[in-house]
Structure formats: structure tokens, C-alpha cells
PDB file of N, CA and C in Angstrom:
ATOM      1  N   MET A   1      41.615 -59.618 -54.513  1.00  0.00           N
ATOM      2  CA  MET A   1      41.945 -58.338 -55.064  1.00  0.00           C
ATOM      3  C   MET A   1      43.121 -57.776 -54.206  1.00  0.00           C
ATOM      4  N   ALA A   2      44.467 -57.577 -54.963  1.00  0.00           N
ATOM      5  CA  ALA A   2      45.092 -56.544 -54.418  1.00  0.00           C
ATOM      6  C   ALA A   2      45.493 -55.490 -54.902  1.00  0.00           C
ATOM      7  N   TYR A   3      46.312 -54.704 -53.848  1.00  0.00           N
ATOM      8  CA  TYR A   3      46.559 -53.513 -54.755  1.00  0.00           C
ATOM      9  C   TYR A   3      47.583 -52.628 -53.274  1.00  0.00           C
ATOM     10  N   ALA A   4      48.625 -51.648 -54.289  1.00  0.00           N
ATOM     11  CA  ALA A   4      49.407 -51.428 -52.740  1.00  0.00           C
ATOM     12  C   ALA A   4      50.146 -49.952 -53.535  1.00  0.00           C
ATOM     13  N   GLU A   5      50.425 -49.201 -52.762  1.00  0.00           N
ATOM     14  CA  GLU A   5      51.052 -47.865 -52.579  1.00  0.00           C
ATOM     15  C   GLU A   5      52.203 -48.388 -51.830  1.00  0.00           C
ATOM     16  N   PRO A   6      53.095 -47.280 -51.981  1.00  0.00           N
ATOM     17  CA  PRO A   6      54.005 -47.231 -51.108  1.00  0.00           C
ATOM     18  C   PRO A   6      53.818 -47.328 -49.621  1.00  0.00           C
ATOM     19  N   GLU A   7      52.770 -46.397 -49.030  1.00  0.00           N
ATOM     20  CA  GLU A   7      52.209 -46.467 -47.565  1.00  0.00           C
ATOM     21  C   GLU A   7      51.224 -46.943 -47.180  1.00  0.00           C
ATOM     22  N   LYS A   8      50.647 -47.641 -48.158  1.00  0.00           N
ATOM     23  CA  LYS A   8      49.625 -48.810 -48.007  1.00  0.00           C
ATOM     24  C   LYS A   8      49.247 -49.461 -48.960  1.00  0.00           C
ATOM     25  N   GLN A   9      48.514 -51.018 -48.438  1.00  0.00           N
ATOM     26  CA  GLN A   9      48.132 -51.708 -48.959  1.00  0.00           C
ATOM     27  C   GLN A   9      47.106 -52.389 -48.696  1.00  0.00           C
ATOM     28  N   LYS A  10      46.406 -53.110 -49.581  1.00  0.00           N
ATOM     29  CA  LYS A  10      44.767 -53.516 -49.331  1.00  0.00           C
ATOM     30  C   LYS A  10      44.579 -54.575 -49.800  1.00  0.00           C
ATOM     31  N   ILE A  11      43.853 -55.971 -49.622  1.00  0.00           N
ATOM     32  CA  ILE A  11      43.769 -57.182 -50.516  1.00  0.00           C
ATOM     33  C   ILE A  11      42.036 -57.117 -49.749  1.00  0.00           C
ATOM     34  N   VAL A  12      41.085 -57.112 -51.007  1.00  0.00           N
ATOM     35  CA  VAL A  12      39.449 -56.993 -50.594  1.00  0.00           C
ATOM     36  C   VAL A  12      39.320 -58.334 -51.370  1.00  0.00           C
ATOM     37  N   SER A  13      38.888 -59.577 -50.576  1.00  0.00           N
ATOM     38  CA  SER A  13      38.255 -60.849 -50.556  1.00  0.00           C
ATOM     39  C   SER A  13      37.025 -60.416 -51.698  1.00  0.00           C
ATOM     40  N   LEU A  14      36.876 -61.249 -52.247  1.00  0.00           N
ATOM     41  CA  LEU A  14      35.375 -60.951 -53.086  1.00  0.00           C
ATOM     42  C   LEU A  14      34.688 -62.559 -53.762  1.00  0.00           C
ATOM     43  N   GLU A  15      33.639 -62.346 -53.690  1.00  0.00           N
ATOM     44  CA  GLU A  15      32.970 -63.879 -54.082  1.00  0.00           C
ATOM     45  C   GLU A  15      31.985 -63.082 -55.411  1.00  0.00           C
ATOM     46  N   VAL A  16      32.323 -64.100 -56.638  1.00  0.00           N
ATOM     47  CA  VAL A  16      31.856 -63.743 -57.872  1.00  0.00           C
ATOM     48  C   VAL A  16      31.099 -64.897 -58.368  1.00  0.00           C
ATOM     49  N   GLU A  17      30.258 -64.694 -58.917  1.00  0.00           N
ATOM     50  CA  GLU A  17      29.490 -65.777 -59.856  1.00  0.00           C
ATOM     51  C   GLU A  17      30.389 -66.055 -61.145  1.00  0.00           C
ATOM     52  N   GLU A  18      29.929 -67.288 -61.262  1.00  0.00           N
ATOM     53  CA  GLU A  18      30.560 -67.945 -62.396  1.00  0.00           C
ATOM     54  C   GLU A  18      30.571 -67.061 -63.567  1.00  0.00           C
ATOM     55  N   GLY A  19      31.603 -66.946 -64.470  1.00  0.00           N
ATOM     56  CA  GLY A  19      31.554 -66.122 -65.680  1.00  0.00           C
ATOM     57  C   GLY A  19      32.182 -64.713 -65.321  1.00  0.00           C
ATOM     58  N   CYS A  20      32.202 -64.117 -64.321  1.00  0.00           N
ATOM     59  CA  CYS A  20      32.638 -63.036 -64.202  1.00  0.00           C
ATOM     60  C   CYS A  20      33.706 -62.785 -64.778  1.00  0.00           C
ATOM     61  N   THR A  21      34.035 -61.552 -65.332  1.00  0.00           N
ATOM     62  CA  THR A  21      35.598 -61.129 -66.105  1.00  0.00           C
ATOM     63  C   THR A  21      36.317 -60.479 -64.846  1.00  0.00           C
ATOM     64  N   VAL A  22      37.284 -60.360 -65.064  1.00  0.00           N
ATOM     65  CA  VAL A  22      38.558 -59.630 -64.480  1.00  0.00           C
ATOM     66  C   VAL A  22      38.037 -57.904 -64.211  1.00  0.00           C
ATOM     67  N   ARG A  23      37.386 -57.572 -64.864  1.00  0.00           N
ATOM     68  CA  ARG A  23      36.970 -55.962 -65.138  1.00  0.00           C
ATOM     69  C   ARG A  23      36.049 -55.763 -64.267  1.00  0.00           C
ATOM     70  N   ASP A  24      35.119 -57.079 -64.501  1.00  0.00           N
ATOM     71  CA  ASP A  24      33.863 -56.842 -63.384  1.00  0.00           C
ATOM     72  C   ASP A  24      34.585 -57.156 -62.032  1.00  0.00           C
ATOM     73  N   ALA A  25      35.161 -57.997 -61.769  1.00  0.00           N
ATOM     74  CA  ALA A  25      35.924 -58.061 -60.410  1.00  0.00           C
ATOM     75  C   ALA A  25      36.367 -56.868 -59.755  1.00  0.00           C
ATOM     76  N   VAL A  26      36.985 -55.975 -60.421  1.00  0.00           N
ATOM     77  CA  VAL A  26      37.596 -54.956 -60.327  1.00  0.00           C
ATOM     78  C   VAL A  26      36.588 -53.764 -60.030  1.00  0.00           C
ATOM     79  N   ARG A  27      35.386 -53.973 -60.686  1.00  0.00           N
ATOM     80  CA  ARG A  27      34.251 -52.712 -60.503  1.00  0.00           C
ATOM     81  C   ARG A  27      33.697 -53.137 -59.248  1.00  0.00           C
ATOM     82  N   ARG A  28      33.182 -54.457 -58.841  1.00  0.00           N
ATOM     83  CA  ARG A  28      32.609 -54.894 -57.713  1.00  0.00           C
ATOM     84  C   ARG A  28      33.805 -54.768 -56.237  1.00  0.00           C
ATOM     85  N   SER A  29      34.667 -54.899 -56.688  1.00  0.00           N
ATOM     86  CA  SER A  29      35.534 -54.724 -55.259  1.00  0.00           C
ATOM     87  C   SER A  29      35.598 -53.616 -54.672  1.00  0.00           C
ATOM     88  N   ASN A  30      35.172 -52.633 -54.907  1.00  0.00           N
ATOM     89  CA  ASN A  30      34.810 -51.286 -54.239  1.00  0.00           C
ATOM     90  C   ASN A  30      36.510 -50.771 -53.892  1.00  0.00           C
ATOM     91  N   ILE A  31      37.272 -50.853 -54.834  1.00  0.00           N
ATOM     92  CA  ILE A  31      38.490 -50.540 -54.422  1.00  0.00           C
ATOM     93  C   ILE A  31      39.035 -49.084 -54.029  1.00  0.00           C
ATOM     94  N   THR A  32      38.167 -48.419 -54.802  1.00  0.00           N
ATOM     95  CA  THR A  32      38.193 -46.790 -54.735  1.00  0.00           C
ATOM     96  C   THR A  32      37.602 -46.309 -53.455  1.00  0.00           C
ATOM     97  N   THR A  33      36.854 -47.220 -52.888  1.00  0.00           N
ATOM     98  CA  THR A  33      37.057 -46.720 -51.412  1.00  0.00           C
ATOM     99  C   THR A  33      38.073 -46.583 -50.372  1.00  0.00           C
ATOM    100  N   PHE A  34      39.096 -47.438 -51.178  1.00  0.00           N
ATOM    101  CA  PHE A  34      40.052 -46.891 -50.182  1.00  0.00           C
ATOM    102  C   PHE A  34      41.100 -46.416 -51.267  1.00  0.00           C
ATOM    103  N   PHE A  35      41.446 -46.777 -52.457  1.00  0.00           N
ATOM    104  CA  PHE A  35      42.151 -45.708 -52.915  1.00  0.00           C
ATOM    105  C   PHE A  35      41.482 -44.893 -54.410  1.00  0.00           C
ATOM    106  N   PRO A  36      40.627 -43.599 -53.637  1.00  0.00           N
ATOM    107  CA  PRO A  36      39.854 -42.871 -54.859  1.00  0.00           C
ATOM    108  C   PRO A  36      40.242 -42.483 -56.254  1.00  0.00           C
ATOM    109  N   SER A  37      41.979 -42.669 -56.373  1.00  0.00           N
ATOM    110  CA  SER A  37      42.444 -42.045 -57.589  1.00  0.00           C
ATOM    111  C   SER A  37      42.474 -43.095 -58.601  1.00  0.00           C
ATOM    112  N   ILE A  38      42.088 -44.305 -58.444  1.00  0.00           N
ATOM    113  CA  ILE A  38      42.320 -45.762 -59.219  1.00  0.00           C
ATOM    114  C   ILE A  38      40.795 -45.467 -60.245  1.00  0.00           C
ATOM    115  N   ASP A  39      41.334 -45.698 -61.124  1.00  0.00           N
ATOM    116  CA  ASP A  39      39.983 -45.486 -62.491  1.00  0.00           C
ATOM    117  C   ASP A  39      39.560 -47.363 -63.148  1.00  0.00           C
ATOM    118  N   VAL A  40      39.080 -47.809 -62.435  1.00  0.00           N
ATOM    119  CA  VAL A  40      38.560 -49.455 -62.383  1.00  0.00           C
ATOM    120  C   VAL A  40      38.744 -49.593 -63.910  1.00  0.00           C
ATOM    121  N   GLU A  41      38.147 -48.456 -64.719  1.00  0.00           N
ATOM    122  CA  GLU A  41      37.975 -48.972 -66.124  1.00  0.00           C
ATOM    123  C   GLU A  41      39.281 -49.067 -66.914  1.00  0.00           C
ATOM    124  N   THR A  42      40.085 -48.255 -66.736  1.00  0.00           N
ATOM    125  CA  THR A  42      41.217 -48.268 -67.015  1.00  0.00           C
ATOM    126  C   THR A  42      42.732 -48.778 -66.300  1.00  0.00           C
ATOM    127  N   ILE A  43      42.896 -49.290 -65.096  1.00  0.00           N
ATOM    128  CA  ILE A  43      43.724 -49.921 -64.631  1.00  0.00           C
ATOM    129  C   ILE A  43      44.487 -51.058 -65.060  1.00  0.00           C
ATOM    130  N   LYS A  44      45.495 -51.221 -64.908  1.00  0.00           N
ATOM    131  CA  LYS A  44      46.054 -52.498 -65.927  1.00  0.00           C
ATOM    132  C   LYS A  44      46.098 -53.332 -64.476  1.00  0.00           C
ATOM    133  N   VAL A  45      45.864 -54.659 -64.690  1.00  0.00           N
ATOM    134  CA  VAL A  45      45.492 -56.147 -63.652  1.00  0.00           C
ATOM    135  C   VAL A  45      46.158 -57.176 -64.220  1.00  0.00           C
ATOM    136  N   GLY A  46      46.270 -57.992 -63.369  1.00  0.00           N
ATOM    137  CA  GLY A  46      46.984 -59.056 -63.857  1.00  0.00           C
ATOM    138  C   GLY A  46      46.474 -60.308 -62.689  1.00  0.00           C
ATOM    139  N   ILE A  47      46.478 -61.705 -62.868  1.00  0.00           N
ATOM    140  CA  ILE A  47      46.306 -62.791 -61.867  1.00  0.00           C
ATOM    141  C   ILE A  47      47.994 -63.302 -61.675  1.00  0.00           C
ATOM    142  N   PHE A  48      48.012 -63.632 -60.258  1.00  0.00           N
ATOM    143  CA  PHE A  48      48.770 -63.843 -59.635  1.00  0.00           C
ATOM    144  C   PHE A  48      50.115 -63.563 -60.562  1.00  0.00           C
ATOM    145  N   GLY A  49      50.461 -62.246 -60.614  1.00  0.00           N
ATOM    146  CA  GLY A  49      51.630 -61.569 -61.178  1.00  0.00           C
ATOM    147  C   GLY A  49      51.840 -61.510 -62.737  1.00  0.00           C
ATOM    148  N   LYS A  50      51.093 -62.556 -63.338  1.00  0.00           N
ATOM    149  CA  LYS A  50      50.723 -62.161 -65.004  1.00  0.00           C
ATOM    150  C   LYS A  50      50.080 -61.388 -65.469  1.00  0.00           C
ATOM    151  N   ALA A  51      50.400 -60.270 -66.450  1.00  0.00           N
ATOM    152  CA  ALA A  51      49.500 -59.336 -66.922  1.00  0.00           C
ATOM    153  C   ALA A  51      48.596 -60.028 -67.479  1.00  0.00           C
ATOM    154  N   VAL A  52      47.154 -59.103 -67.508  1.00  0.00           N
ATOM    155  CA  VAL A  52      45.776 -59.615 -68.220  1.00  0.00           C
ATOM    156  C   VAL A  52      46.063 -58.866 -69.600  1.00  0.00           C
ATOM    157  N   ARG A  53      45.938 -58.852 -70.569  1.00  0.00           N
ATOM    158  CA  ARG A  53      45.888 -58.579 -71.623  1.00  0.00           C
ATOM    159  C   ARG A  53      44.295 -57.691 -72.109  1.00  0.00           C
ATOM    160  N   ASN A  54      43.450 -58.340 -71.426  1.00  0.00           N
ATOM    161  CA  ASN A  54      42.316 -58.281 -71.860  1.00  0.00           C
ATOM    162  C   ASN A  54      41.402 -58.629 -70.761  1.00  0.00           C
ATOM    163  N   ALA A  55      40.902 -57.424 -69.746  1.00  0.00           N
ATOM    164  CA  ALA A  55      40.436 -57.701 -68.444  1.00  0.00           C
ATOM    165  C   ALA A  55      38.840 -57.750 -68.688  1.00  0.00           C
ATOM    166  N   ASP A  56      38.408 -57.067 -69.622  1.00  0.00           N
ATOM    167  CA  ASP A  56      37.273 -57.047 -69.969  1.00  0.00           C
ATOM    168  C   ASP A  56      36.396 -58.422 -70.482  1.00  0.00           C
ATOM    169  N   ASP A  57      37.625 -59.309 -71.179  1.00  0.00           N
ATOM    170  CA  ASP A  57      36.994 -60.327 -72.201  1.00  0.00           C
ATOM    171  C   ASP A  57      37.426 -61.835 -70.937  1.00  0.00           C
ATOM    172  N   GLN A  58      38.396 -61.610 -70.402  1.00  0.00           N
ATOM    173  CA  GLN A  58      38.983 -62.746 -69.482  1.00  0.00           C
ATOM    174  C   GLN A  58      38.067 -63.039 -68.238  1.00  0.00           C
ATOM    175  N   VAL A  59      37.662 -64.532 -68.248  1.00  0.00           N
ATOM    176  CA  VAL A  59      36.758 -64.906 -67.145  1.00  0.00           C
ATOM    177  C   VAL A  59      37.675 -65.412 -65.894  1.00  0.00           C
ATOM    178  N   LEU A  60      37.518 -65.192 -64.690  1.00  0.00           N
ATOM    179  CA  LEU A  60      38.225 -65.475 -63.503  1.00  0.00           C
ATOM    180  C   LEU A  60      37.829 -66.854 -63.192  1.00  0.00           C
ATOM    181  N   LYS A  61      38.667 -67.700 -62.861  1.00  0.00           N
ATOM    182  CA  LYS A  61      38.485 -69.112 -62.087  1.00  0.00           C
ATOM    183  C   LYS A  61      38.912 -69.049 -60.967  1.00  0.00           C
ATOM    184  N   GLU A  62      37.864 -70.293 -60.150  1.00  0.00           N
ATOM    185  CA  GLU A  62      37.886 -70.361 -58.721  1.00  0.00           C
ATOM    186  C   GLU A  62      39.500 -69.736 -58.302  1.00  0.00           C
ATOM    187  N   GLY A  63      39.937 -69.000 -57.335  1.00  0.00           N
ATOM    188  CA  GLY A  63      40.935 -69.192 -56.466  1.00  0.00           C
ATOM    189  C   GLY A  63      41.764 -68.121 -56.455  1.00  0.00           C
ATOM    190  N   GLU A  64      41.711 -67.538 -58.247  1.00  0.00           N
ATOM    191  CA  GLU A  64      42.271 -66.308 -58.716  1.00  0.00           C
ATOM    192  C   GLU A  64      42.796 -65.115 -58.235  1.00  0.00           C
ATOM    193  N   ARG A  65      43.511 -64.857 -57.911  1.00  0.00           N
ATOM    194  CA  ARG A  65      43.798 -63.492 -57.351  1.00  0.00           C
ATOM    195  C   ARG A  65      44.428 -62.711 -58.077  1.00  0.00           C
ATOM    196  N   VAL A  66      43.478 -61.251 -58.110  1.00  0.00           N
ATOM    197  CA  VAL A  66      43.566 -60.080 -59.307  1.00  0.00           C
ATOM    198  C   VAL A  66      44.249 -59.356 -58.585  1.00  0.00           C
ATOM    199  N   GLU A  67      45.833 -58.643 -59.269  1.00  0.00           N
ATOM    200  CA  GLU A  67      46.155 -57.556 -58.924  1.00  0.00           C
ATOM    201  C   GLU A  67      45.880 -56.355 -59.507  1.00  0.00           C
ATOM    202  N   LEU A  68      45.802 -55.227 -59.087  1.00  0.00           N
ATOM    203  CA  LEU A  68      45.923 -53.981 -59.985  1.00  0.00           C
ATOM    204  C   LEU A  68      47.594 -53.433 -59.816  1.00  0.00           C
ATOM    205  N   TYR A  69      47.420 -53.149 -60.952  1.00  0.00           N
ATOM    206  CA  TYR A  69      49.202 -52.281 -60.829  1.00  0.00           C
ATOM    207  C   TYR A  69      49.002 -50.459 -61.451  1.00  0.00           C
ATOM    208  N   ARG A  70      49.972 -50.352 -60.460  1.00  0.00           N
ATOM    209  CA  ARG A  70      50.028 -48.590 -60.558  1.00  0.00           C
ATOM    210  C   ARG A  70      51.203 -48.359 -61.915  1.00  0.00           C
ATOM    211  N   GLU A  71      50.896 -47.238 -62.011  1.00  0.00           N
ATOM    212  CA  GLU A  71      52.438 -46.837 -63.372  1.00  0.00           C
ATOM    213  C   GLU A  71      53.410 -46.557 -62.092  1.00  0.00           C
ATOM    214  N   LEU A  72      54.202 -46.929 -62.985  1.00  0.00           N
ATOM    215  CA  LEU A  72      55.872 -47.007 -62.358  1.00  0.00           C
ATOM    216  C   LEU A  72      56.007 -45.432 -62.221  1.00  0.00           C
ATOM    217  N   LYS A  73      57.418 -44.831 -61.538  1.00  0.00           N
ATOM    218  CA  LYS A  73      57.323 -43.547 -61.610  1.00  0.00           C
ATOM    219  C   LYS A  73      58.406 -43.539 -62.208  1.00  0.00           C
ATOM    220  N   VAL A  74      59.482 -44.307 -62.245  1.00  0.00           N
ATOM    221  CA  VAL A  74      60.598 -44.535 -62.658  1.00  0.00           C
ATOM    222  C   VAL A  74      61.116 -45.869 -63.667  1.00  0.00           C
ATOM    223  N   ASP A  75      61.419 -45.772 -64.708  1.00  0.00           N
ATOM    224  CA  ASP A  75      61.657 -47.216 -65.391  1.00  0.00           C
ATOM    225  C   ASP A  75      62.547 -47.941 -64.594  1.00  0.00           C
ATOM    226  N   PRO A  76      62.363 -49.423 -64.410  1.00  0.00           N
ATOM    227  CA  PRO A  76      63.129 -50.374 -63.718  1.00  0.00           C
ATOM    228  C   PRO A  76      64.821 -50.208 -64.104  1.00  0.00           C
ATOM    229  N   LYS A  77      64.769 -49.934 -65.709  1.00  0.00           N
ATOM    230  CA  LYS A  77      66.270 -50.150 -66.352  1.00  0.00           C
ATOM    231  C   LYS A  77      66.714 -48.547 -65.423  1.00  0.00           C
ATOM    232  N   GLN A  78      66.313 -47.679 -66.003  1.00  0.00           N
ATOM    233  CA  GLN A  78      66.655 -46.591 -65.238  1.00  0.00           C
ATOM    234  C   GLN A  78      67.124 -46.205 -63.847  1.00  0.00           C
ATOM    235  N   ALA A  79      66.269 -47.076 -63.309  1.00  0.00           N
ATOM    236  CA  ALA A  79      66.319 -46.687 -61.421  1.00  0.00           C
ATOM    237  C   ALA A  79      67.606 -47.951 -61.446  1.00  0.00           C
ATOM    238  N   ARG A  80      68.147 -48.491 -62.364  1.00  0.00           N
ATOM    239  CA  ARG A  80      69.113 -49.666 -62.115  1.00  0.00           C
ATOM    240  C   ARG A  80      70.692 -49.012 -62.227  1.00  0.00           C
ATOM    241  N   ALA A  81      70.136 -48.279 -63.254  1.00  0.00           N
ATOM    242  CA  ALA A  81      71.391 -47.328 -63.873  1.00  0.00           C
ATOM    243  C   ALA A  81      71.543 -46.045 -63.229  1.00  0.00           C
ATOM    244  N   ASN A  82      70.435 -45.570 -62.412  1.00  0.00           N
ATOM    245  CA  ASN A  82      70.797 -44.274 -61.308  1.00  0.00           C
ATOM    246  C   ASN A  82      71.452 -44.971 -60.034  1.00  0.00           C
ATOM    247  N   ARG A  83      71.250 -46.132 -59.898  1.00  0.00           N
ATOM    248  CA  ARG A  83      71.928 -46.660 -58.573  1.00  0.00           C
ATOM    249  C   ARG A  83      73.272 -47.037 -58.882  1.00  0.00           C
ATOM    250  N   ALA A  84      73.374 -47.681 -60.040  1.00  0.00           N
ATOM    251  CA  ALA A  84      75.231 -48.148 -60.441  1.00  0.00           C
ATOM    252  C   ALA A  84      76.052 -46.840 -60.286  1.00  0.00           C
ATOM    253  N   ALA A  85      75.187 -45.795 -60.885  1.00  0.00           N
ATOM    254  CA  ALA A  85      75.982 -44.492 -60.944  1.00  0.00           C
ATOM    255  C   ALA A  85      76.444 -43.902 -59.657  1.00  0.00           C
ATOM    256  N   LYS A  86      75.405 -44.035 -58.474  1.00  0.00           N
ATOM    257  CA  LYS A  86      75.714 -43.387 -57.501  1.00  0.00           C
ATOM    258  C   LYS A  86      76.742 -44.502 -56.988  1.00  0.00           C
ATOM    259  N   THR A  87      76.946 -45.793 -56.811  1.00  0.00           N
ATOM    260  CA  THR A  87      77.821 -46.487 -56.227  1.00  0.00           C
ATOM    261  C   THR A  87      79.294 -46.190 -56.811  1.00  0.00           C
ATOM    262  N   LYS A  88      79.346 -45.735 -58.124  1.00  0.00           N
ATOM    263  CA  LYS A  88      80.722 -45.086 -58.585  1.00  0.00           C
ATOM    264  C   LYS A  88      81.337 -43.863 -57.959  1.00  0.00           C
ATOM    265  N   ASP A  89      80.495 -43.270 -57.107  1.00  0.00           N
ATOM    266  CA  ASP A  89      80.900 -41.782 -56.768  1.00  0.00           C
ATOM    267  C   ASP A  89      81.784 -42.028 -55.389  1.00  0.00           C
TER     268      ASP A  89
END
């Protein structure tokens, strides 16, 4: 389980039984101990960089790394446009 904020990152190792869903693993990770603002029921998740559409139904496979995604503060397209505008000045 991996989660990062600009000033702090955390990887939590977790062993789960066969048939464990992605959402169950997030719940069991106790990630809120380190990041209390995370809502484990609604946070967007992925496996090895690929978004998981339905974390409540997707079953984990051995060795998969679950990643928790925070909301972006700025749309990446807008951020690029902002940087491009600064370089023109």
C-alpha cells in the first residue's frame, strides 16, 4: 500500500487472505494512522499505476502494490499552460 503527500510518504506492507478486495486491503492497512484525512471508503486507488474502477469488487493478486491517489490541486493541463505562460514573460 503506497500513499504520498508533498511532505510525507508512506508504504505499508500488508498480508491478506486470498479473495481480499482492494477496498478491504485499504481498510486493513490502517493508513489513516499516518494520514487521518484519508477516507478509506471513497479514496481513488490503483494497482501499479493503473486505476482500479471498482475497488469493492476487484480481488488482489499476490504481490500487487495498491496505490492511493489524492485529488490534484491543479489540473495537469492547466499547470502546463501556467508554466508555458511564465516562460513567455
